[in-house]
N, C-alpha and C. Protein backbone atom coordinates (compact mmCIF):
# COMPACT_ATOMS: atom_id res chain seq x y z
N MET A 1 -9.73 8.90 29.72
CA MET A 1 -8.78 7.96 29.18
C MET A 1 -7.39 8.41 29.57
N SER A 2 -6.63 7.55 30.17
CA SER A 2 -5.26 7.87 30.53
C SER A 2 -4.32 7.29 29.49
N ALA A 3 -3.69 8.17 28.74
CA ALA A 3 -2.80 7.72 27.68
C ALA A 3 -1.43 7.33 28.21
N THR A 4 -1.17 7.61 29.49
CA THR A 4 0.17 7.36 30.03
C THR A 4 0.16 6.36 31.16
N THR A 5 -0.81 5.48 31.23
CA THR A 5 -0.92 4.51 32.31
C THR A 5 0.28 3.59 32.37
N ASN A 6 0.63 2.98 31.26
CA ASN A 6 1.75 2.05 31.21
C ASN A 6 2.90 2.72 30.47
N ARG A 7 3.89 3.15 31.19
CA ARG A 7 5.00 3.89 30.59
C ARG A 7 6.23 3.02 30.39
N ALA A 8 6.08 1.96 29.64
CA ALA A 8 7.19 1.04 29.41
C ALA A 8 8.04 1.46 28.22
N GLU A 9 7.52 2.26 27.33
CA GLU A 9 8.23 2.64 26.11
C GLU A 9 8.60 4.11 26.14
N ARG A 10 9.60 4.46 25.34
CA ARG A 10 10.07 5.84 25.26
C ARG A 10 10.06 6.27 23.80
N LEU A 11 9.69 7.52 23.56
CA LEU A 11 9.68 8.09 22.22
C LEU A 11 10.35 9.46 22.29
N ASN A 12 11.43 9.63 21.58
CA ASN A 12 12.14 10.91 21.56
C ASN A 12 11.88 11.61 20.24
N VAL A 13 11.62 12.90 20.30
CA VAL A 13 11.38 13.68 19.09
C VAL A 13 12.21 14.96 19.14
N ARG A 14 12.55 15.46 17.97
CA ARG A 14 13.22 16.76 17.85
C ARG A 14 12.23 17.72 17.21
N LEU A 15 12.14 18.92 17.77
CA LEU A 15 11.23 19.90 17.24
C LEU A 15 11.80 21.29 17.47
N SER A 16 11.24 22.25 16.76
CA SER A 16 11.71 23.63 16.90
C SER A 16 11.26 24.19 18.24
N THR A 17 11.94 25.26 18.66
CA THR A 17 11.57 25.94 19.90
C THR A 17 10.14 26.44 19.81
N GLN A 18 9.77 26.99 18.66
CA GLN A 18 8.41 27.50 18.47
C GLN A 18 7.38 26.39 18.60
N ALA A 19 7.65 25.24 18.00
CA ALA A 19 6.71 24.11 18.09
C ALA A 19 6.58 23.65 19.54
N ARG A 20 7.69 23.56 20.24
CA ARG A 20 7.66 23.14 21.66
C ARG A 20 6.84 24.12 22.48
N GLU A 21 7.05 25.41 22.28
CA GLU A 21 6.30 26.42 23.04
C GLU A 21 4.81 26.34 22.75
N GLU A 22 4.47 26.15 21.49
CA GLU A 22 3.06 26.07 21.10
C GLU A 22 2.40 24.83 21.71
N ILE A 23 3.08 23.71 21.66
CA ILE A 23 2.53 22.48 22.24
C ILE A 23 2.42 22.61 23.75
N THR A 24 3.42 23.21 24.38
CA THR A 24 3.39 23.41 25.83
C THR A 24 2.22 24.30 26.22
N GLN A 25 2.00 25.39 25.48
CA GLN A 25 0.87 26.28 25.77
C GLN A 25 -0.46 25.54 25.63
N ALA A 26 -0.58 24.74 24.59
CA ALA A 26 -1.82 23.98 24.38
C ALA A 26 -2.03 22.98 25.50
N ALA A 27 -0.96 22.34 25.94
CA ALA A 27 -1.07 21.37 27.04
C ALA A 27 -1.56 22.07 28.30
N HIS A 28 -0.96 23.22 28.62
CA HIS A 28 -1.38 23.96 29.82
C HIS A 28 -2.83 24.43 29.68
N ALA A 29 -3.20 24.90 28.49
CA ALA A 29 -4.57 25.37 28.27
C ALA A 29 -5.59 24.25 28.45
N SER A 30 -5.18 23.02 28.16
CA SER A 30 -6.10 21.89 28.31
C SER A 30 -6.00 21.25 29.69
N GLY A 31 -5.13 21.79 30.54
CA GLY A 31 -5.01 21.26 31.90
C GLY A 31 -4.23 19.96 31.99
N GLN A 32 -3.37 19.71 31.03
CA GLN A 32 -2.59 18.48 31.01
C GLN A 32 -1.10 18.80 31.08
N ASP A 33 -0.33 17.83 31.56
CA ASP A 33 1.11 17.98 31.47
C ASP A 33 1.51 17.72 30.02
N LEU A 34 2.73 18.12 29.68
CA LEU A 34 3.18 18.03 28.29
C LEU A 34 3.15 16.60 27.76
N THR A 35 3.62 15.65 28.56
CA THR A 35 3.66 14.25 28.12
C THR A 35 2.27 13.72 27.83
N SER A 36 1.34 13.93 28.75
CA SER A 36 -0.03 13.44 28.55
C SER A 36 -0.67 14.08 27.32
N PHE A 37 -0.42 15.37 27.14
CA PHE A 37 -1.00 16.07 25.99
C PHE A 37 -0.46 15.51 24.68
N VAL A 38 0.85 15.36 24.59
CA VAL A 38 1.46 14.87 23.35
C VAL A 38 1.03 13.44 23.06
N ILE A 39 1.03 12.59 24.07
CA ILE A 39 0.61 11.20 23.86
C ILE A 39 -0.86 11.15 23.43
N GLY A 40 -1.71 11.91 24.11
CA GLY A 40 -3.13 11.92 23.77
C GLY A 40 -3.37 12.41 22.35
N ALA A 41 -2.68 13.49 21.96
CA ALA A 41 -2.84 14.03 20.61
C ALA A 41 -2.32 13.05 19.56
N ALA A 42 -1.18 12.44 19.84
CA ALA A 42 -0.62 11.48 18.88
C ALA A 42 -1.53 10.26 18.73
N LEU A 43 -2.06 9.77 19.84
CA LEU A 43 -2.96 8.61 19.77
C LEU A 43 -4.25 8.94 19.04
N ASP A 44 -4.81 10.13 19.31
CA ASP A 44 -6.02 10.54 18.59
C ASP A 44 -5.78 10.56 17.08
N ARG A 45 -4.67 11.14 16.68
CA ARG A 45 -4.34 11.22 15.25
C ARG A 45 -4.09 9.84 14.67
N ALA A 46 -3.36 9.01 15.40
CA ALA A 46 -3.07 7.66 14.92
C ALA A 46 -4.36 6.87 14.72
N ARG A 47 -5.28 6.99 15.64
CA ARG A 47 -6.55 6.25 15.53
C ARG A 47 -7.37 6.74 14.35
N ARG A 48 -7.37 8.06 14.12
CA ARG A 48 -8.10 8.59 12.95
C ARG A 48 -7.50 8.08 11.65
N VAL A 49 -6.18 8.08 11.57
CA VAL A 49 -5.50 7.59 10.36
C VAL A 49 -5.83 6.12 10.14
N LEU A 50 -5.74 5.32 11.20
CA LEU A 50 -6.02 3.88 11.06
C LEU A 50 -7.47 3.62 10.71
N LEU A 51 -8.38 4.40 11.28
CA LEU A 51 -9.79 4.24 10.94
C LEU A 51 -10.03 4.57 9.47
N GLU A 52 -9.46 5.66 9.00
CA GLU A 52 -9.59 6.02 7.59
C GLU A 52 -9.04 4.93 6.68
N GLU A 53 -7.96 4.30 7.12
CA GLU A 53 -7.33 3.24 6.33
C GLU A 53 -8.25 2.03 6.20
N ARG A 54 -9.14 1.84 7.15
CA ARG A 54 -10.00 0.65 7.18
C ARG A 54 -11.36 0.87 6.53
N ILE A 55 -11.67 2.09 6.18
CA ILE A 55 -12.96 2.40 5.57
C ILE A 55 -12.88 2.20 4.06
N LEU A 56 -13.87 1.55 3.52
CA LEU A 56 -13.92 1.30 2.08
C LEU A 56 -14.92 2.28 1.47
N TYR A 57 -14.44 3.11 0.57
CA TYR A 57 -15.30 4.08 -0.11
C TYR A 57 -15.65 3.54 -1.49
N LEU A 58 -16.96 3.49 -1.77
CA LEU A 58 -17.43 2.99 -3.06
C LEU A 58 -18.31 4.03 -3.73
N SER A 59 -18.25 4.05 -5.04
CA SER A 59 -19.20 4.87 -5.79
C SER A 59 -20.58 4.21 -5.65
N THR A 60 -21.61 4.91 -6.03
CA THR A 60 -22.95 4.35 -5.96
C THR A 60 -23.05 3.09 -6.81
N ALA A 61 -22.47 3.14 -8.00
CA ALA A 61 -22.52 1.97 -8.89
C ALA A 61 -21.76 0.79 -8.28
N ASP A 62 -20.59 1.05 -7.70
CA ASP A 62 -19.82 -0.03 -7.08
C ASP A 62 -20.55 -0.60 -5.87
N ALA A 63 -21.19 0.26 -5.08
CA ALA A 63 -21.94 -0.21 -3.92
C ALA A 63 -23.11 -1.09 -4.35
N GLU A 64 -23.77 -0.70 -5.42
CA GLU A 64 -24.88 -1.51 -5.93
C GLU A 64 -24.38 -2.85 -6.44
N GLN A 65 -23.24 -2.86 -7.11
CA GLN A 65 -22.66 -4.10 -7.61
C GLN A 65 -22.27 -5.01 -6.46
N LEU A 66 -21.67 -4.46 -5.42
CA LEU A 66 -21.30 -5.25 -4.25
C LEU A 66 -22.54 -5.84 -3.58
N GLU A 67 -23.57 -5.04 -3.44
CA GLU A 67 -24.82 -5.53 -2.84
C GLU A 67 -25.41 -6.66 -3.67
N LEU A 68 -25.37 -6.53 -4.98
CA LEU A 68 -25.89 -7.56 -5.87
C LEU A 68 -25.12 -8.87 -5.69
N VAL A 69 -23.81 -8.79 -5.63
CA VAL A 69 -22.99 -9.99 -5.46
C VAL A 69 -23.22 -10.62 -4.09
N LEU A 70 -23.35 -9.78 -3.06
CA LEU A 70 -23.58 -10.32 -1.71
C LEU A 70 -24.96 -10.97 -1.60
N ASP A 71 -25.94 -10.37 -2.26
CA ASP A 71 -27.30 -10.92 -2.21
C ASP A 71 -27.46 -12.16 -3.10
N ASN A 72 -26.64 -12.28 -4.11
CA ASN A 72 -26.72 -13.40 -5.06
C ASN A 72 -25.34 -13.99 -5.29
N PRO A 73 -24.80 -14.66 -4.29
CA PRO A 73 -23.43 -15.17 -4.45
C PRO A 73 -23.38 -16.25 -5.53
N PRO A 74 -22.25 -16.35 -6.22
CA PRO A 74 -22.11 -17.40 -7.23
C PRO A 74 -22.00 -18.76 -6.56
N GLU A 75 -22.28 -19.79 -7.31
CA GLU A 75 -22.13 -21.15 -6.78
C GLU A 75 -20.65 -21.39 -6.47
N PRO A 76 -20.37 -22.09 -5.37
CA PRO A 76 -18.96 -22.36 -5.05
C PRO A 76 -18.33 -23.28 -6.09
N THR A 77 -17.08 -23.03 -6.35
CA THR A 77 -16.35 -23.88 -7.30
C THR A 77 -16.00 -25.20 -6.61
N GLU A 78 -15.57 -26.16 -7.40
CA GLU A 78 -15.15 -27.45 -6.83
C GLU A 78 -14.01 -27.24 -5.84
N PHE A 79 -13.10 -26.36 -6.17
CA PHE A 79 -11.98 -26.07 -5.27
C PHE A 79 -12.49 -25.59 -3.91
N LEU A 80 -13.45 -24.66 -3.90
CA LEU A 80 -13.99 -24.16 -2.64
C LEU A 80 -14.74 -25.25 -1.88
N ARG A 81 -15.46 -26.10 -2.59
CA ARG A 81 -16.16 -27.20 -1.92
C ARG A 81 -15.17 -28.12 -1.21
N ARG A 82 -14.08 -28.47 -1.92
CA ARG A 82 -13.04 -29.32 -1.31
C ARG A 82 -12.41 -28.62 -0.11
N LEU A 83 -12.15 -27.35 -0.27
CA LEU A 83 -11.51 -26.59 0.80
C LEU A 83 -12.40 -26.56 2.04
N MET A 84 -13.69 -26.34 1.86
CA MET A 84 -14.61 -26.31 3.00
C MET A 84 -14.78 -27.71 3.60
N ARG A 85 -14.79 -28.72 2.77
CA ARG A 85 -14.94 -30.08 3.25
C ARG A 85 -13.71 -30.53 4.03
N ASP A 86 -12.53 -30.16 3.57
CA ASP A 86 -11.28 -30.62 4.19
C ASP A 86 -10.85 -29.80 5.40
N SER A 87 -11.50 -28.71 5.66
CA SER A 87 -11.04 -27.88 6.78
C SER A 87 -11.75 -28.18 8.07
């Protein structure tokens, strides 16, 4: 995966000398240039955060309740019938 294929945007960051040296060493150790390493690491972290944000965690009781409702949906209200008919 090339994280730097389309370089239309710019992102500037300020960091300590120690942080820069550590990131640079890690980039070299992984065989990447600094830009590719930082972009790849940031994208990996961003995707993990977004994935976690989209996952719904339920207790066993809540999961059972959800399954029950999905398996036995209530009758649609008149409002929903009109909405489905008119759309």
